[in-house]
């Protein structure tokens, strides 16, 4: 698998970084102050959530998406599955 620059991944990572820095260093700092106990607790909690988001996104990017098993057969007796596809004009 070739790994290189991806514009969409860069946009998502940039958005996560921007939201993190704005939240921690602008909102929490002005709301509580980063050197107060509530400010530190909020910053640590938000950092944990942001870290889990980054890990989840990295796993979604790097994981194998999987494939349909070769033994898969659609259920013919299912009433919602048409036996023949309907051609539209």
PDB file of N, CA and C in Angstrom:
ATOM      1  N   UNK A   1       0.847  -1.179   0.000  1.00  0.00           N
ATOM      2  CA  UNK A   1       0.000   0.000   0.000  1.00  0.00           C
ATOM      3  C   UNK A   1       0.892   1.240   0.000  1.00  0.00           C
ATOM      4  N   UNK A   2       0.646   2.127  -0.928  1.00  0.00           N
ATOM      5  CA  UNK A   2       1.425   3.350  -1.042  1.00  0.00           C
ATOM      6  C   UNK A   2       0.900   4.382  -0.047  1.00  0.00           C
ATOM      7  N   UNK A   3       1.815   4.931   0.731  1.00  0.00           N
ATOM      8  CA  UNK A   3       1.430   5.965   1.687  1.00  0.00           C
ATOM      9  C   UNK A   3       2.156   7.246   1.314  1.00  0.00           C
ATOM     10  N   UNK A   4       1.410   8.300   1.224  1.00  0.00           N
ATOM     11  CA  UNK A   4       1.992   9.585   0.864  1.00  0.00           C
ATOM     12  C   UNK A   4       1.093  10.699   1.358  1.00  0.00           C
ATOM     13  N   UNK A   5       1.235  11.841   0.748  1.00  0.00           N
ATOM     14  CA  UNK A   5       0.443  13.004   1.131  1.00  0.00           C
ATOM     15  C   UNK A   5      -1.008  12.814   0.716  1.00  0.00           C
ATOM     16  N   UNK A   6      -1.905  13.125   1.626  1.00  0.00           N
ATOM     17  CA  UNK A   6      -3.331  13.079   1.336  1.00  0.00           C
ATOM     18  C   UNK A   6      -3.944  14.396   1.803  1.00  0.00           C
ATOM     19  N   UNK A   7      -4.562  15.099   0.891  1.00  0.00           N
ATOM     20  CA  UNK A   7      -5.146  16.397   1.221  1.00  0.00           C
ATOM     21  C   UNK A   7      -6.250  16.269   2.260  1.00  0.00           C
ATOM     22  N   UNK A   8      -7.109  15.267   2.115  1.00  0.00           N
ATOM     23  CA  UNK A   8      -8.228  15.124   3.050  1.00  0.00           C
ATOM     24  C   UNK A   8      -7.745  14.792   4.460  1.00  0.00           C
ATOM     25  N   UNK A   9      -6.720  13.964   4.579  1.00  0.00           N
ATOM     26  CA  UNK A   9      -6.168  13.650   5.901  1.00  0.00           C
ATOM     27  C   UNK A   9      -5.548  14.897   6.515  1.00  0.00           C
ATOM     28  N   UNK A  10      -4.858  15.690   5.711  1.00  0.00           N
ATOM     29  CA  UNK A  10      -4.258  16.928   6.196  1.00  0.00           C
ATOM     30  C   UNK A  10      -5.321  17.904   6.686  1.00  0.00           C
ATOM     31  N   UNK A  11      -6.429  18.006   5.984  1.00  0.00           N
ATOM     32  CA  UNK A  11      -7.513  18.906   6.398  1.00  0.00           C
ATOM     33  C   UNK A  11      -8.111  18.449   7.727  1.00  0.00           C
ATOM     34  N   UNK A  12      -8.340  17.156   7.880  1.00  0.00           N
ATOM     35  CA  UNK A  12      -8.937  16.646   9.119  1.00  0.00           C
ATOM     36  C   UNK A  12      -7.985  16.834  10.296  1.00  0.00           C
ATOM     37  N   UNK A  13      -6.712  16.514  10.114  1.00  0.00           N
ATOM     38  CA  UNK A  13      -5.734  16.684  11.197  1.00  0.00           C
ATOM     39  C   UNK A  13      -5.585  18.159  11.543  1.00  0.00           C
ATOM     40  N   UNK A  14      -5.583  19.033  10.552  1.00  0.00           N
ATOM     41  CA  UNK A  14      -5.509  20.474  10.812  1.00  0.00           C
ATOM     42  C   UNK A  14      -6.723  20.960  11.591  1.00  0.00           C
ATOM     43  N   UNK A  15      -7.895  20.452  11.264  1.00  0.00           N
ATOM     44  CA  UNK A  15      -9.106  20.839  11.994  1.00  0.00           C
ATOM     45  C   UNK A  15      -9.044  20.371  13.442  1.00  0.00           C
ATOM     46  N   UNK A  16      -8.573  19.152  13.672  1.00  0.00           N
ATOM     47  CA  UNK A  16      -8.457  18.644  15.044  1.00  0.00           C
ATOM     48  C   UNK A  16      -7.468  19.486  15.840  1.00  0.00           C
ATOM     49  N   UNK A  17      -6.318  19.807  15.244  1.00  0.00           N
ATOM     50  CA  UNK A  17      -5.308  20.620  15.933  1.00  0.00           C
ATOM     51  C   UNK A  17      -5.842  22.017  16.215  1.00  0.00           C
ATOM     52  N   UNK A  18      -6.520  22.618  15.246  1.00  0.00           N
ATOM     53  CA  UNK A  18      -7.075  23.958  15.437  1.00  0.00           C
ATOM     54  C   UNK A  18      -8.109  23.980  16.561  1.00  0.00           C
ATOM     55  N   UNK A  19      -9.019  23.018  16.562  1.00  0.00           N
ATOM     56  CA  UNK A  19     -10.048  22.959  17.604  1.00  0.00           C
ATOM     57  C   UNK A  19      -9.422  22.719  18.969  1.00  0.00           C
ATOM     58  N   UNK A  20      -8.403  21.854  19.029  1.00  0.00           N
ATOM     59  CA  UNK A  20      -7.741  21.574  20.306  1.00  0.00           C
ATOM     60  C   UNK A  20      -7.081  22.834  20.866  1.00  0.00           C
ATOM     61  N   UNK A  21      -6.267  23.507  20.045  1.00  0.00           N
ATOM     62  CA  UNK A  21      -5.563  24.685  20.538  1.00  0.00           C
ATOM     63  C   UNK A  21      -6.516  25.825  20.879  1.00  0.00           C
ATOM     64  N   UNK A  22      -7.554  26.012  20.084  1.00  0.00           N
ATOM     65  CA  UNK A  22      -8.535  27.055  20.413  1.00  0.00           C
ATOM     66  C   UNK A  22      -9.240  26.752  21.724  1.00  0.00           C
ATOM     67  N   UNK A  23      -9.615  25.502  21.922  1.00  0.00           N
ATOM     68  CA  UNK A  23     -10.338  25.143  23.139  1.00  0.00           C
ATOM     69  C   UNK A  23      -9.457  25.276  24.369  1.00  0.00           C
ATOM     70  N   UNK A  24      -8.249  24.724  24.307  1.00  0.00           N
ATOM     71  CA  UNK A  24      -7.390  24.716  25.495  1.00  0.00           C
ATOM     72  C   UNK A  24      -6.799  26.088  25.767  1.00  0.00           C
ATOM     73  N   UNK A  25      -6.204  26.709  24.766  1.00  0.00           N
ATOM     74  CA  UNK A  25      -5.444  27.926  25.014  1.00  0.00           C
ATOM     75  C   UNK A  25      -6.244  29.213  24.863  1.00  0.00           C
ATOM     76  N   UNK A  26      -7.474  29.134  24.371  1.00  0.00           N
ATOM     77  CA  UNK A  26      -8.308  30.332  24.301  1.00  0.00           C
ATOM     78  C   UNK A  26      -9.466  30.216  25.283  1.00  0.00           C
ATOM     79  N   UNK A  27     -10.329  29.216  25.083  1.00  0.00           N
ATOM     80  CA  UNK A  27     -11.545  29.141  25.886  1.00  0.00           C
ATOM     81  C   UNK A  27     -11.280  28.728  27.328  1.00  0.00           C
ATOM     82  N   UNK A  28     -10.563  27.630  27.532  1.00  0.00           N
ATOM     83  CA  UNK A  28     -10.316  27.181  28.911  1.00  0.00           C
ATOM     84  C   UNK A  28      -9.422  28.179  29.638  1.00  0.00           C
ATOM     85  N   UNK A  29      -8.428  28.732  28.948  1.00  0.00           N
ATOM     86  CA  UNK A  29      -7.538  29.702  29.587  1.00  0.00           C
ATOM     87  C   UNK A  29      -8.296  30.954  30.012  1.00  0.00           C
ATOM     88  N   UNK A  30      -9.199  31.444  29.169  1.00  0.00           N
ATOM     89  CA  UNK A  30      -9.961  32.645  29.532  1.00  0.00           C
ATOM     90  C   UNK A  30     -11.083  32.343  30.518  1.00  0.00           C
ATOM     91  N   UNK A  31     -11.613  31.133  30.477  1.00  0.00           N
ATOM     92  CA  UNK A  31     -12.743  30.791  31.332  1.00  0.00           C
ATOM     93  C   UNK A  31     -12.280  30.492  32.754  1.00  0.00           C
ATOM     94  N   UNK A  32     -11.305  29.579  32.897  1.00  0.00           N
ATOM     95  CA  UNK A  32     -10.825  29.184  34.217  1.00  0.00           C
ATOM     96  C   UNK A  32      -9.408  29.665  34.496  1.00  0.00           C
ATOM     97  N   UNK A  33      -8.595  29.768  33.464  1.00  0.00           N
ATOM     98  CA  UNK A  33      -7.159  29.966  33.634  1.00  0.00           C
ATOM     99  C   UNK A  33      -6.493  28.601  33.670  1.00  0.00           C
ATOM    100  N   UNK A  34      -5.407  28.446  32.944  1.00  0.00           N
ATOM    101  CA  UNK A  34      -4.772  27.134  32.857  1.00  0.00           C
ATOM    102  C   UNK A  34      -3.991  26.769  34.112  1.00  0.00           C
ATOM    103  N   UNK A  35      -3.734  27.704  34.996  1.00  0.00           N
ATOM    104  CA  UNK A  35      -2.990  27.402  36.216  1.00  0.00           C
ATOM    105  C   UNK A  35      -3.905  27.195  37.426  1.00  0.00           C
ATOM    106  N   UNK A  36      -5.207  27.121  37.200  1.00  0.00           N
ATOM    107  CA  UNK A  36      -6.133  26.834  38.296  1.00  0.00           C
ATOM    108  C   UNK A  36      -6.522  25.363  38.251  1.00  0.00           C
ATOM    109  N   UNK A  37      -7.035  24.878  39.352  1.00  0.00           N
ATOM    110  CA  UNK A  37      -7.419  23.462  39.430  1.00  0.00           C
ATOM    111  C   UNK A  37      -8.519  23.102  38.429  1.00  0.00           C
ATOM    112  N   UNK A  38      -9.611  23.889  38.317  1.00  0.00           N
ATOM    113  CA  UNK A  38     -10.624  23.548  37.309  1.00  0.00           C
ATOM    114  C   UNK A  38     -10.091  23.661  35.879  1.00  0.00           C
ATOM    115  N   UNK A  39      -9.205  24.620  35.635  1.00  0.00           N
ATOM    116  CA  UNK A  39      -8.633  24.766  34.302  1.00  0.00           C
ATOM    117  C   UNK A  39      -7.769  23.579  33.924  1.00  0.00           C
ATOM    118  N   UNK A  40      -6.966  23.107  34.876  1.00  0.00           N
ATOM    119  CA  UNK A  40      -6.120  21.939  34.610  1.00  0.00           C
ATOM    120  C   UNK A  40      -6.980  20.703  34.394  1.00  0.00           C
ATOM    121  N   UNK A  41      -8.018  20.527  35.211  1.00  0.00           N
ATOM    122  CA  UNK A  41      -8.888  19.350  35.056  1.00  0.00           C
ATOM    123  C   UNK A  41      -9.589  19.368  33.698  1.00  0.00           C
ATOM    124  N   UNK A  42     -10.098  20.516  33.291  1.00  0.00           N
ATOM    125  CA  UNK A  42     -10.756  20.614  31.985  1.00  0.00           C
ATOM    126  C   UNK A  42      -9.767  20.408  30.845  1.00  0.00           C
ATOM    127  N   UNK A  43      -8.570  20.966  30.968  1.00  0.00           N
ATOM    128  CA  UNK A  43      -7.568  20.793  29.918  1.00  0.00           C
ATOM    129  C   UNK A  43      -7.137  19.334  29.808  1.00  0.00           C
ATOM    130  N   UNK A  44      -6.960  18.655  30.944  1.00  0.00           N
ATOM    131  CA  UNK A  44      -6.571  17.240  30.920  1.00  0.00           C
ATOM    132  C   UNK A  44      -7.693  16.394  30.325  1.00  0.00           C
ATOM    133  N   UNK A  45      -8.934  16.670  30.709  1.00  0.00           N
ATOM    134  CA  UNK A  45     -10.064  15.902  30.172  1.00  0.00           C
ATOM    135  C   UNK A  45     -10.196  16.116  28.662  1.00  0.00           C
ATOM    136  N   UNK A  46     -10.079  17.363  28.223  1.00  0.00           N
ATOM    137  CA  UNK A  46     -10.199  17.632  26.787  1.00  0.00           C
ATOM    138  C   UNK A  46      -9.021  17.057  26.015  1.00  0.00           C
ATOM    139  N   UNK A  47      -7.829  17.086  26.612  1.00  0.00           N
ATOM    140  CA  UNK A  47      -6.662  16.487  25.968  1.00  0.00           C
ATOM    141  C   UNK A  47      -6.859  14.985  25.807  1.00  0.00           C
ATOM    142  N   UNK A  48      -7.431  14.334  26.813  1.00  0.00           N
ATOM    143  CA  UNK A  48      -7.711  12.899  26.713  1.00  0.00           C
ATOM    144  C   UNK A  48      -8.698  12.585  25.605  1.00  0.00           C
ATOM    145  N   UNK A  49      -9.754  13.374  25.511  1.00  0.00           N
ATOM    146  CA  UNK A  49     -10.752  13.163  24.458  1.00  0.00           C
ATOM    147  C   UNK A  49     -10.138  13.420  23.078  1.00  0.00           C
ATOM    148  N   UNK A  50      -9.349  14.477  22.960  1.00  0.00           N
ATOM    149  CA  UNK A  50      -8.702  14.781  21.678  1.00  0.00           C
ATOM    150  C   UNK A  50      -7.714  13.684  21.293  1.00  0.00           C
ATOM    151  N   UNK A  51      -6.982  13.155  22.271  1.00  0.00           N
ATOM    152  CA  UNK A  51      -6.036  12.074  21.999  1.00  0.00           C
ATOM    153  C   UNK A  51      -6.762  10.823  21.522  1.00  0.00           C
ATOM    154  N   UNK A  52      -7.900  10.505  22.142  1.00  0.00           N
ATOM    155  CA  UNK A  52      -8.681   9.345  21.697  1.00  0.00           C
ATOM    156  C   UNK A  52      -9.225   9.558  20.285  1.00  0.00           C
ATOM    157  N   UNK A  53      -9.625  10.783  19.956  1.00  0.00           N
ATOM    158  CA  UNK A  53     -10.093  11.082  18.596  1.00  0.00           C
ATOM    159  C   UNK A  53      -8.977  10.882  17.576  1.00  0.00           C
ATOM    160  N   UNK A  54      -7.776  11.348  17.908  1.00  0.00           N
ATOM    161  CA  UNK A  54      -6.647  11.193  16.988  1.00  0.00           C
ATOM    162  C   UNK A  54      -6.293   9.721  16.824  1.00  0.00           C
ATOM    163  N   UNK A  55      -6.283   8.953  17.920  1.00  0.00           N
ATOM    164  CA  UNK A  55      -6.005   7.517  17.824  1.00  0.00           C
ATOM    165  C   UNK A  55      -7.057   6.802  16.980  1.00  0.00           C
ATOM    166  N   UNK A  56      -8.318   7.134  17.188  1.00  0.00           N
ATOM    167  CA  UNK A  56      -9.397   6.514  16.427  1.00  0.00           C
ATOM    168  C   UNK A  56      -9.282   6.858  14.940  1.00  0.00           C
ATOM    169  N   UNK A  57      -8.960   8.094  14.638  1.00  0.00           N
ATOM    170  CA  UNK A  57      -8.808   8.507  13.240  1.00  0.00           C
ATOM    171  C   UNK A  57      -7.611   7.810  12.599  1.00  0.00           C
ATOM    172  N   UNK A  58      -6.509   7.716  13.336  1.00  0.00           N
ATOM    173  CA  UNK A  58      -5.330   7.024  12.808  1.00  0.00           C
ATOM    174  C   UNK A  58      -5.639   5.552  12.553  1.00  0.00           C
ATOM    175  N   UNK A  59      -6.374   4.932  13.457  1.00  0.00           N
ATOM    176  CA  UNK A  59      -6.739   3.530  13.252  1.00  0.00           C
ATOM    177  C   UNK A  59      -7.648   3.378  12.029  1.00  0.00           C
ATOM    178  N   UNK A  60      -8.573   4.307  11.852  1.00  0.00           N
ATOM    179  CA  UNK A  60      -9.477   4.240  10.700  1.00  0.00           C
ATOM    180  C   UNK A  60      -8.714   4.423   9.387  1.00  0.00           C
ATOM    181  N   UNK A  61      -7.679   5.238   9.399  1.00  0.00           N
ATOM    182  CA  UNK A  61      -6.894   5.458   8.186  1.00  0.00           C
ATOM    183  C   UNK A  61      -6.006   4.254   7.878  1.00  0.00           C
ATOM    184  N   UNK A  62      -5.375   3.705   8.905  1.00  0.00           N
ATOM    185  CA  UNK A  62      -4.349   2.685   8.696  1.00  0.00           C
ATOM    186  C   UNK A  62      -4.877   1.257   8.676  1.00  0.00           C
ATOM    187  N   UNK A  63      -6.091   1.033   9.147  1.00  0.00           N
ATOM    188  CA  UNK A  63      -6.622  -0.330   9.224  1.00  0.00           C
ATOM    189  C   UNK A  63      -7.061  -0.824   7.847  1.00  0.00           C
ATOM    190  N   UNK A  64      -6.968  -2.121   7.671  1.00  0.00           N
ATOM    191  CA  UNK A  64      -7.442  -2.749   6.443  1.00  0.00           C
ATOM    192  C   UNK A  64      -8.967  -2.707   6.444  1.00  0.00           C
ATOM    193  N   UNK A  65      -9.589  -2.205   5.374  1.00  0.00           N
ATOM    194  CA  UNK A  65     -11.044  -2.083   5.382  1.00  0.00           C
ATOM    195  C   UNK A  65     -11.769  -3.414   5.306  1.00  0.00           C
ATOM    196  N   UNK A  66     -11.057  -4.474   4.985  1.00  0.00           N
ATOM    197  CA  UNK A  66     -11.704  -5.780   4.894  1.00  0.00           C
ATOM    198  C   UNK A  66     -12.242  -6.024   3.499  1.00  0.00           C
ATOM    199  N   UNK A  67     -12.852  -7.170   3.327  1.00  0.00           N
ATOM    200  CA  UNK A  67     -13.413  -7.533   2.019  1.00  0.00           C
ATOM    201  C   UNK A  67     -14.570  -8.495   2.237  1.00  0.00           C
ATOM    202  N   UNK A  68     -15.341  -8.681   1.212  1.00  0.00           N
ATOM    203  CA  UNK A  68     -16.471  -9.607   1.272  1.00  0.00           C
ATOM    204  C   UNK A  68     -15.914 -11.024   1.181  1.00  0.00           C
ATOM    205  N   UNK A  69     -16.330 -11.917   2.079  1.00  0.00           N
ATOM    206  CA  UNK A  69     -15.833 -13.294   2.015  1.00  0.00           C
ATOM    207  C   UNK A  69     -16.218 -13.961   0.696  1.00  0.00           C
ATOM    208  N   UNK A  70     -15.352 -14.844   0.204  1.00  0.00           N
ATOM    209  CA  UNK A  70     -15.615 -15.511  -1.069  1.00  0.00           C
ATOM    210  C   UNK A  70     -16.801 -16.465  -0.971  1.00  0.00           C
ATOM    211  N   UNK A  71     -17.155 -16.902   0.222  1.00  0.00           N
ATOM    212  CA  UNK A  71     -18.273 -17.830   0.389  1.00  0.00           C
ATOM    213  C   UNK A  71     -19.614 -17.114   0.578  1.00  0.00           C
ATOM    214  N   UNK A  72     -19.644 -15.786   0.486  1.00  0.00           N
ATOM    215  CA  UNK A  72     -20.881 -15.038   0.719  1.00  0.00           C
ATOM    216  C   UNK A  72     -21.860 -15.247  -0.429  1.00  0.00           C
ATOM    217  N   UNK A  73     -23.102 -15.522  -0.068  1.00  0.00           N
ATOM    218  CA  UNK A  73     -24.196 -15.634  -1.040  1.00  0.00           C
ATOM    219  C   UNK A  73     -25.377 -14.840  -0.488  1.00  0.00           C
ATOM    220  N   UNK A  74     -26.006 -13.976  -1.292  1.00  0.00           N
ATOM    221  CA  UNK A  74     -27.170 -13.238  -0.795  1.00  0.00           C
ATOM    222  C   UNK A  74     -28.332 -14.187  -0.531  1.00  0.00           C
ATOM    223  N   UNK A  75     -29.153 -13.841   0.445  1.00  0.00           N
ATOM    224  CA  UNK A  75     -30.303 -14.662   0.808  1.00  0.00           C
ATOM    225  C   UNK A  75     -31.393 -14.476  -0.242  1.00  0.00           C
ATOM    226  N   UNK A  76     -31.650 -15.502  -1.027  1.00  0.00           N
ATOM    227  CA  UNK A  76     -32.637 -15.430  -2.107  1.00  0.00           C
ATOM    228  C   UNK A  76     -34.054 -15.418  -1.552  1.00  0.00           C
ATOM    229  N   UNK A  77     -34.276 -16.013  -0.405  1.00  0.00           N
ATOM    230  CA  UNK A  77     -35.620 -16.098   0.162  1.00  0.00           C
ATOM    231  C   UNK A  77     -36.046 -14.820   0.873  1.00  0.00           C
ATOM    232  N   UNK A  78     -35.171 -13.861   0.998  1.00  0.00           N
ATOM    233  CA  UNK A  78     -35.509 -12.599   1.637  1.00  0.00           C
ATOM    234  C   UNK A  78     -36.478 -11.838   0.732  1.00  0.00           C
ATOM    235  N   UNK A  79     -37.678 -11.448   1.234  1.00  0.00           N
ATOM    236  CA  UNK A  79     -38.677 -10.795   0.371  1.00  0.00           C
ATOM    237  C   UNK A  79     -38.264  -9.393  -0.096  1.00  0.00           C
ATOM    238  N   UNK A  80     -37.337  -8.758   0.594  1.00  0.00           N
ATOM    239  CA  UNK A  80     -36.942  -7.409   0.201  1.00  0.00           C
ATOM    240  C   UNK A  80     -35.847  -7.396  -0.860  1.00  0.00           C
ATOM    241  N   UNK A  81     -35.257  -8.528  -1.136  1.00  0.00           N
ATOM    242  CA  UNK A  81     -34.195  -8.600  -2.135  1.00  0.00           C
ATOM    243  C   UNK A  81     -34.795  -9.103  -3.440  1.00  0.00           C
ATOM    244  N   UNK A  82     -34.806  -8.282  -4.492  1.00  0.00           N
ATOM    245  CA  UNK A  82     -35.346  -8.764  -5.771  1.00  0.00           C
ATOM    246  C   UNK A  82     -34.398  -9.795  -6.388  1.00  0.00           C
ATOM    247  N   UNK A  83     -34.990 -10.781  -7.036  1.00  0.00           N
ATOM    248  CA  UNK A  83     -34.184 -11.818  -7.672  1.00  0.00           C
ATOM    249  C   UNK A  83     -33.479 -11.247  -8.893  1.00  0.00           C
ATOM    250  N   UNK A  84     -34.185 -10.421  -9.634  1.00  0.00           N
ATOM    251  CA  UNK A  84     -33.610  -9.792 -10.816  1.00  0.00           C
ATOM    252  C   UNK A  84     -33.580  -8.289 -10.587  1.00  0.00           C
ATOM    253  N   UNK A  85     -32.522  -7.669 -11.055  1.00  0.00           N
ATOM    254  CA  UNK A  85     -32.457  -6.220 -10.958  1.00  0.00           C
ATOM    255  C   UNK A  85     -33.393  -5.609 -11.981  1.00  0.00           C
ATOM    256  N   UNK A  86     -34.039  -4.522 -11.603  1.00  0.00           N
ATOM    257  CA  UNK A  86     -34.963  -3.835 -12.491  1.00  0.00           C
ATOM    258  C   UNK A  86     -34.186  -2.770 -13.255  1.00  0.00           C
ATOM    259  N   UNK A  87     -34.255  -2.843 -14.578  1.00  0.00           N
ATOM    260  CA  UNK A  87     -33.564  -1.854 -15.397  1.00  0.00           C
ATOM    261  C   UNK A  87     -34.439  -0.618 -15.524  1.00  0.00           C
ATOM    262  N   UNK A  88     -33.817   0.513 -15.320  1.00  0.00           N
ATOM    263  CA  UNK A  88     -34.555   1.771 -15.431  1.00  0.00           C
ATOM    264  C   UNK A  88     -34.184   2.447 -16.730  1.00  0.00           C
ATOM    265  N   UNK A  89     -35.182   3.122 -17.303  1.00  0.00           N
ATOM    266  CA  UNK A  89     -34.950   3.802 -18.580  1.00  0.00           C
ATOM    267  C   UNK A  89     -34.408   5.173 -18.367  1.00  0.00           C
TER     268      UNK A  89
END
